[in-house]
Amino acid sequence: MRKRWSLVLLAFSLALALTACGGQEAGGADGKQVLKVGASQVPHAEILNQVKPDLEKKGIQLEVKVLQDYVTPNKGVEEGQLDANFFQHLPWMETSNKERGWHLKKVVGVHIEPIGVYSEKIDKITQLKEGSTIALPNGTSEVTRVLLLLEHEGLIGLKKGDGEKSIKDITDNPKKLKFKPLEAATLPRVLDQVDLAAINTNYALQAKLNPLKDALIIEGKDSPYVNVLAVKEGKEKDKAVQELAKALTSPKVAQFIEKKYKGAVVPAF
C-alpha cells in the first residue's frame, strides 16, 4: 500500500513539474511575459527593436513579427495571434474596422511618415505631361490621402466636403491624369512603369528611396496620418501594452527617429 502511495505521489510531482515547465515556456525565457507585436520592417520594427532592452527590465519579452502587407497585422490582432501591431495610421485602422468588422483600438500615436510622390521619368512635377499615369496605394484611406496631396499641388480638383475620397470624386483633371491603384507594397517595383507613384514612406525606405531628396511632392510634417500602436478592443490598459506605449513615446525613441531618419519620419509626441 505504501509503495502504491509512493507511485501516486511521484506521478503527481511529475505532473506538477510538467505543468510548471509548460507555463514558463508560454511566458517566455526566465518567466518573462511575452508580447507579440506585428510590424512593418521599416521603420516600425526598427523602432520596436530599440525598446526591447527597456521592456526586458520590466519583465516583458518583446517579440517583433515583421509583416510585409497592410492586412495580416490587423487580422493577427483581431484573431489573437498577435497582442498588438505597429504599422498603420489611424485612418487606415478606422477604415479597416469599418470595412472588415474588426475591433482595433489605438493605444498611442508614435510617428508620422509623410507620403511622397516619386518618378523615374521626370525631375520636377512641372514636367508632368498630359495623360500621365499615377500609381497609388489601393486602400480607401490611402487613396484619400494621395488625392488630397495632389489637390494641394493643384494637379486635380475634388468634390467639396469632408470624409473619404475616391477617384470618382475628382471634379477637375486639367492634365487628364490616369490613376492606377495597386497594392502598396508593390509600388516601388512599378516605379519605372508609370509616370508617378505615390509610395508610403516605409516602403520607400525599404526600396532605398530618400523621401526628402527623391520625392517630387511630399506631405508636410503637419500630416494627420499618425502611425499608432494598436490592440484589440479591451486590451488597451493591459500592463505590458502600457509599458510598450510608454517606451515608444520616450525621449530615447524621439532621438532615435530624428537621428536615424533625418526628417523622413517625424516623432508625433
Protein backbone atom coordinates (compact mmCIF):
# COMPACT_ATOMS: atom_id res chain seq x y z
CA MET A 1 0.00 0.00 0.00
CA ARG A 2 2.83 2.35 0.95
CA LYS A 3 4.52 1.55 -2.36
CA ARG A 4 1.33 2.40 -4.27
CA TRP A 5 1.05 5.78 -2.49
CA SER A 6 4.68 6.47 -3.34
CA LEU A 7 3.96 5.88 -7.03
CA VAL A 8 0.90 8.17 -6.88
CA LEU A 9 2.91 10.95 -5.22
CA LEU A 10 5.68 10.54 -7.80
CA ALA A 11 3.20 10.81 -10.68
CA PHE A 12 1.61 13.88 -9.07
CA SER A 13 5.01 15.54 -8.65
CA LEU A 14 5.90 14.86 -12.29
CA ALA A 15 2.60 16.34 -13.43
CA LEU A 16 3.25 19.49 -11.40
CA ALA A 17 6.74 19.79 -12.85
CA LEU A 18 5.48 19.43 -16.41
CA THR A 19 2.75 21.99 -15.79
CA ALA A 20 5.29 24.45 -14.41
CA CYS A 21 7.60 23.93 -17.39
CA GLY A 22 4.72 24.44 -19.79
CA GLY A 23 3.73 27.69 -18.09
CA GLN A 24 7.28 29.03 -18.19
CA GLU A 25 7.57 28.23 -21.88
CA ALA A 26 4.28 30.02 -22.60
CA GLY A 27 5.58 33.01 -20.65
CA GLY A 28 8.91 33.17 -22.43
CA ALA A 29 12.50 32.96 -21.24
CA ASP A 30 13.06 33.29 -17.47
CA GLY A 31 9.30 33.53 -16.93
CA LYS A 32 9.05 36.91 -18.70
CA GLN A 33 5.71 37.89 -20.21
CA VAL A 34 5.79 37.58 -24.00
CA LEU A 35 4.34 40.47 -26.02
CA LYS A 36 3.96 39.68 -29.73
CA VAL A 37 3.77 42.73 -31.99
CA GLY A 38 3.29 42.71 -35.78
CA ALA A 39 5.14 45.47 -37.62
CA SER A 40 6.38 46.69 -40.99
CA GLN A 41 10.11 46.22 -41.42
CA VAL A 42 10.97 49.92 -41.76
CA PRO A 43 10.69 52.00 -39.65
CA HIS A 44 8.32 50.22 -37.25
CA ALA A 45 10.33 47.08 -36.48
CA GLU A 46 13.50 49.16 -36.20
CA ILE A 47 11.82 51.42 -33.65
CA LEU A 48 10.44 48.45 -31.69
CA ASN A 49 13.88 46.85 -31.53
CA GLN A 50 15.17 49.99 -29.84
CA VAL A 51 12.88 49.47 -26.85
CA LYS A 52 13.41 45.74 -26.37
CA PRO A 53 16.05 46.23 -23.62
CA ASP A 54 13.78 48.68 -21.78
CA LEU A 55 10.93 46.18 -21.73
CA GLU A 56 13.27 43.36 -20.66
CA LYS A 57 13.96 45.34 -17.49
CA LYS A 58 10.20 45.40 -16.88
CA GLY A 59 9.92 41.62 -17.26
CA ILE A 60 8.49 41.78 -20.77
CA GLN A 61 9.91 39.82 -23.70
CA LEU A 62 9.03 41.75 -26.87
CA GLU A 63 8.71 39.57 -29.98
CA VAL A 64 8.62 41.60 -33.20
CA LYS A 65 6.92 39.83 -36.11
CA VAL A 66 7.87 41.56 -39.38
CA LEU A 67 4.97 41.51 -41.88
CA GLN A 68 5.02 42.88 -45.41
CA ASP A 69 1.38 43.77 -46.07
CA TYR A 70 -1.27 46.00 -44.53
CA VAL A 71 -3.90 43.32 -43.78
CA THR A 72 -2.14 40.50 -41.90
CA PRO A 73 -1.09 42.63 -38.87
CA ASN A 74 -4.68 43.68 -38.16
CA LYS A 75 -6.07 40.21 -38.84
CA GLY A 76 -3.50 38.78 -36.41
CA VAL A 77 -4.54 41.16 -33.64
CA GLU A 78 -8.25 40.61 -34.26
CA GLU A 79 -7.86 36.81 -34.17
CA GLY A 80 -5.43 36.76 -31.22
CA GLN A 81 -2.23 35.58 -32.92
CA LEU A 82 -0.71 38.98 -32.11
CA ASP A 83 -1.03 41.07 -28.96
CA ALA A 84 -0.59 44.36 -30.80
CA ASN A 85 0.58 45.86 -34.06
CA PHE A 86 2.54 48.91 -35.10
CA PHE A 87 2.42 49.68 -38.82
CA GLN A 88 -0.59 51.84 -39.66
CA HIS A 89 -2.00 55.32 -39.28
CA LEU A 90 -5.31 55.98 -37.55
CA PRO A 91 -7.48 56.50 -40.68
CA TRP A 92 -6.29 53.12 -42.06
CA MET A 93 -7.19 51.39 -38.78
CA GLU A 94 -10.61 53.03 -38.64
CA THR A 95 -11.34 52.11 -42.27
CA SER A 96 -10.21 48.50 -41.65
CA ASN A 97 -12.58 48.26 -38.68
CA LYS A 98 -15.45 49.63 -40.77
CA GLU A 99 -14.84 47.50 -43.86
CA ARG A 100 -13.96 44.21 -42.12
CA GLY A 101 -15.92 44.40 -38.88
CA TRP A 102 -12.77 44.35 -36.74
CA HIS A 103 -12.35 45.82 -33.25
CA LEU A 104 -8.93 47.50 -33.24
CA LYS A 105 -8.21 50.38 -30.89
CA LYS A 106 -5.47 52.99 -30.79
CA VAL A 107 -3.19 52.87 -27.75
CA VAL A 108 -0.83 55.75 -28.59
CA GLY A 109 0.40 57.76 -31.60
CA VAL A 110 4.12 57.40 -32.27
CA HIS A 111 5.26 58.99 -35.54
CA ILE A 112 4.31 60.42 -38.92
CA GLU A 113 5.59 59.10 -42.25
CA PRO A 114 4.86 61.81 -44.86
CA ILE A 115 3.77 60.04 -48.06
CA GLY A 116 5.71 61.03 -51.17
CA VAL A 117 5.23 61.03 -54.94
CA TYR A 118 8.20 59.70 -56.93
CA SER A 119 9.23 59.38 -60.58
CA GLU A 120 11.98 57.90 -62.70
CA LYS A 121 10.79 59.79 -65.79
CA ILE A 122 10.69 63.42 -64.68
CA ASP A 123 12.75 65.56 -62.30
CA LYS A 124 10.12 68.18 -61.43
CA ILE A 125 6.37 67.99 -61.05
CA THR A 126 6.06 70.85 -63.57
CA GLN A 127 7.37 68.44 -66.23
CA LEU A 128 4.35 66.16 -65.84
CA LYS A 129 2.72 65.66 -69.23
CA GLU A 130 -0.92 65.39 -70.20
CA GLY A 131 -2.25 61.85 -69.93
CA SER A 132 0.41 60.71 -67.44
CA THR A 133 -0.28 57.67 -65.26
CA ILE A 134 -0.07 57.86 -61.47
CA ALA A 135 0.17 54.67 -59.41
CA LEU A 136 -1.11 54.92 -55.85
CA PRO A 137 -1.95 52.62 -52.89
CA ASN A 138 -5.34 50.95 -53.29
CA GLY A 139 -6.56 51.21 -49.69
CA THR A 140 -9.51 53.56 -49.18
CA SER A 141 -7.75 55.83 -46.69
CA GLU A 142 -4.57 55.89 -48.78
CA VAL A 143 -6.43 56.86 -51.94
CA THR A 144 -7.96 59.75 -49.98
CA ARG A 145 -4.55 60.76 -48.69
CA VAL A 146 -2.93 60.82 -52.14
CA LEU A 147 -5.81 62.65 -53.81
CA LEU A 148 -5.73 65.37 -51.15
CA LEU A 149 -1.98 65.74 -51.69
CA LEU A 150 -2.45 66.06 -55.47
CA GLU A 151 -5.23 68.57 -54.95
CA HIS A 152 -2.98 70.59 -52.66
CA GLU A 153 -0.43 70.72 -55.50
CA GLY A 154 -3.08 71.95 -57.96
CA LEU A 155 -2.98 68.84 -60.15
CA ILE A 156 -6.63 67.90 -59.59
CA GLY A 157 -9.80 69.24 -58.01
CA LEU A 158 -12.02 67.21 -55.68
CA LYS A 159 -15.68 67.26 -54.72
CA LYS A 160 -16.19 69.53 -51.73
CA GLY A 161 -16.86 68.09 -48.29
CA ASP A 162 -15.14 66.06 -45.58
CA GLY A 163 -14.73 62.31 -45.48
CA GLU A 164 -13.03 59.74 -47.67
CA LYS A 165 -12.35 60.49 -51.33
CA SER A 166 -12.23 58.20 -54.34
CA ILE A 167 -11.10 58.67 -57.92
CA LYS A 168 -14.77 59.23 -58.78
CA ASP A 169 -14.67 62.38 -56.61
CA ILE A 170 -12.22 64.11 -58.96
CA THR A 171 -14.07 67.09 -60.46
CA ASP A 172 -11.16 68.80 -62.21
CA ASN A 173 -8.35 67.00 -64.05
CA PRO A 174 -6.72 69.51 -66.44
CA LYS A 175 -3.84 67.19 -67.39
CA LYS A 176 -6.19 64.23 -67.93
CA LEU A 177 -4.16 62.16 -65.48
CA LYS A 178 -4.81 58.42 -65.26
CA PHE A 179 -4.84 56.63 -61.91
CA LYS A 180 -3.67 53.09 -61.22
CA PRO A 181 -4.46 51.81 -57.69
CA LEU A 182 -2.15 48.96 -56.64
CA GLU A 183 -1.16 47.03 -53.51
CA ALA A 184 1.00 49.44 -51.51
CA ALA A 185 3.97 47.06 -51.20
CA THR A 186 4.28 46.74 -55.00
CA LEU A 187 4.58 50.45 -55.75
CA PRO A 188 8.40 50.75 -55.60
CA ARG A 189 8.65 47.87 -58.08
CA VAL A 190 6.45 49.58 -60.68
CA LEU A 191 8.11 52.99 -60.42
CA ASP A 192 9.80 52.53 -63.81
CA GLN A 193 6.49 51.53 -65.45
CA VAL A 194 4.46 54.65 -64.60
CA ASP A 195 5.00 58.41 -64.71
CA LEU A 196 4.45 58.94 -60.99
CA ALA A 197 4.00 56.66 -57.99
CA ALA A 198 2.74 57.67 -54.56
CA ILE A 199 4.68 55.47 -52.13
CA ASN A 200 4.26 55.08 -48.38
CA THR A 201 7.45 56.05 -46.56
CA ASN A 202 8.02 52.60 -45.02
CA TYR A 203 8.12 51.01 -48.49
CA ALA A 204 10.13 53.92 -49.93
CA LEU A 205 12.80 53.46 -47.25
CA GLN A 206 12.93 49.71 -47.87
CA ALA A 207 13.46 50.45 -51.58
CA LYS A 208 16.38 52.77 -50.66
CA LEU A 209 14.49 55.90 -51.70
CA ASN A 210 15.13 59.05 -49.68
CA PRO A 211 11.76 60.76 -49.20
CA LEU A 212 13.32 64.16 -48.51
CA LYS A 213 15.56 64.08 -51.59
CA ASP A 214 13.78 61.82 -54.08
CA ALA A 215 10.11 62.72 -53.68
CA LEU A 216 8.78 65.32 -56.13
CA ILE A 217 5.87 66.01 -53.76
CA ILE A 218 5.72 65.14 -50.07
CA GLU A 219 3.24 65.72 -47.25
CA GLY A 220 4.05 68.35 -44.69
CA LYS A 221 5.03 67.49 -41.11
CA ASP A 222 1.53 68.55 -40.02
CA SER A 223 0.05 65.44 -41.68
CA PRO A 224 -2.85 63.98 -39.66
CA TYR A 225 -1.77 60.44 -40.58
CA VAL A 226 -0.06 59.50 -37.31
CA ASN A 227 1.17 55.89 -37.04
CA VAL A 228 -0.23 54.19 -33.95
CA LEU A 229 0.30 51.25 -31.64
CA ALA A 230 -2.95 49.27 -31.87
CA VAL A 231 -4.56 46.39 -29.97
CA LYS A 232 -7.90 44.62 -29.93
CA GLU A 233 -10.61 46.49 -28.03
CA GLY A 234 -10.40 45.72 -24.33
CA LYS A 235 -6.61 45.27 -24.30
CA GLU A 236 -5.68 48.96 -24.23
CA LYS A 237 -4.99 49.03 -20.48
CA ASP A 238 -3.00 45.77 -20.27
CA LYS A 239 0.15 46.41 -18.27
CA ALA A 240 2.58 45.11 -20.93
CA VAL A 241 0.84 47.15 -23.64
CA GLN A 242 1.03 50.29 -21.50
CA GLU A 243 4.73 49.70 -20.83
CA LEU A 244 5.32 49.39 -24.59
CA ALA A 245 3.34 52.57 -25.25
CA LYS A 246 5.43 54.42 -22.66
CA ALA A 247 8.68 53.13 -24.20
CA LEU A 248 7.62 54.06 -27.75
CA THR A 249 6.94 57.66 -26.72
CA SER A 250 10.13 58.16 -24.71
CA PRO A 251 12.85 60.76 -25.39
CA LYS A 252 15.11 57.84 -26.37
CA VAL A 253 12.80 56.87 -29.25
CA ALA A 254 12.32 60.51 -30.34
CA GLN A 255 16.10 60.91 -30.57
CA PHE A 256 16.45 57.63 -32.48
CA ILE A 257 13.80 58.63 -35.03
CA GLU A 258 15.30 62.08 -35.58
CA LYS A 259 18.86 60.76 -35.94
CA LYS A 260 18.06 57.65 -38.00
CA TYR A 261 15.50 59.02 -40.48
CA LYS A 262 16.55 62.70 -40.67
CA GLY A 263 13.06 64.09 -41.22
CA ALA A 264 11.66 61.28 -43.41
CA VAL A 265 9.94 60.01 -40.25
CA VAL A 266 8.80 62.51 -37.62
CA PRO A 267 8.00 61.89 -33.90
CA ALA A 268 4.36 62.65 -33.12
CA PHE A 269 4.69 63.03 -29.36
